[in-house]
Amino acid sequence: MVTNDAQRQALRRAAEWFAHLCANPDDPELRVQWRLWHSRSAEHEWAWQQLTELQARIGNMPQQFAWEVMEKSTLRESGPNRRTVLKALLLGAGTCSLAWQGYDLAPKWMAEVKTRIGEQRQETLSDGTLVVLDTDTALDVIFNASTRLLVLRAGEVHVTTGKDSRPFRVRSAQGELRALGTRFAVRQLDGLTRLSVYNHAVAAHPEKAADEAVIEQGQSVTFDSQRLLVSRPLERGEEAWAQGRLVVEGWRLDRLMGELQRYRSGYLGCAPEVSHLRVSGSYSLGNIEVTLDTIARSLPVRIQQRTRYWTRIVPV
């Protein structure tokens, strides 16, 4: 339900952006401008989400049914604003379906910098900041005269900030982080964000919280859009993933398999009978096959592999 003027204006502008993007799907400058608009306010993000949900419903419908769905949709707008939204969606539904899927289903596929499953990548930004993208990560970089902003769409980034007078921020789905130091990591989880601070401090501000909280060096915190949830000391070797290693100490085998699964397509797991076994060591994230062989040599287990996309660790 549209409840105020800000939402009405955001919906109209979102529809205009949709039409422009459909008409110019290969224009990189237009995508940059869209990202700036999208990240500028909560109303913009809300309006875009409303359009994507409705467009997904009408994309493959005959025109007469599409109009009926839109008439009954939650976008209960009136006057020219409503006509702008509905017309843009209907015109785009048939002509922009393939290009639109990137904007609709997963904004991460539109991101400026991305990694595939199993890939890690290091980027040096224009201010000298070093960013390591972990597996299956998507990131937008928005720098202007007054601020430096990273928008984390998916995955995890390790950040070593460059020296610059402009504030440095990272935005996730649950809130915003403001760097007060030089080295930290941010991971987008399912409905949560995790911050790990390796040097100095970072201010964490959940989206709907009244105030930010300063997280000091050596601490990790998980939060949702409302509040900070879990705070704990960093584990030994927790930063090693940025160098392509996974350092664990006394982990259960099922926890280790869950982490390695992020770096490999398909299924990777362990049988319940061995899930409780404890594991310690330093493992390669760049070669999961070698890592699995190492685990099999150190525990009473063997590797069961049906295809290259289905691997399980089972009792000997």
Foldseek 3Di string as FASTA:
>chain_A
DDDDPLLLVLLLVLLVLLLVCLVCVPDVVSLLVLVCQCPVDPSNVVNNLLLLVLLVVLLPPDLVVSVVCLPPDPPPDDDPSSVSNSVSSSVCSDRRVVSCCCSRVAVLSVAPDFAAQQDWDWDQDPLRKIKIFAHGWGWHWDDDDAATEIETRAAKMKIFDHDDPHWYWYHYPFFIKTDPHGIKMWHDDDQKIKIAAAAAWMWTQGQQEPGTDIDGHQKMWMDGNYDIDDIDGDDPPPPCVSVQKDFDDFDFQQVVQVVLPSRAAADEGEDPVRRRDTDGDIAGSNDVVVRVVVVVVVDQWDWDDPDSRDIYIYGD
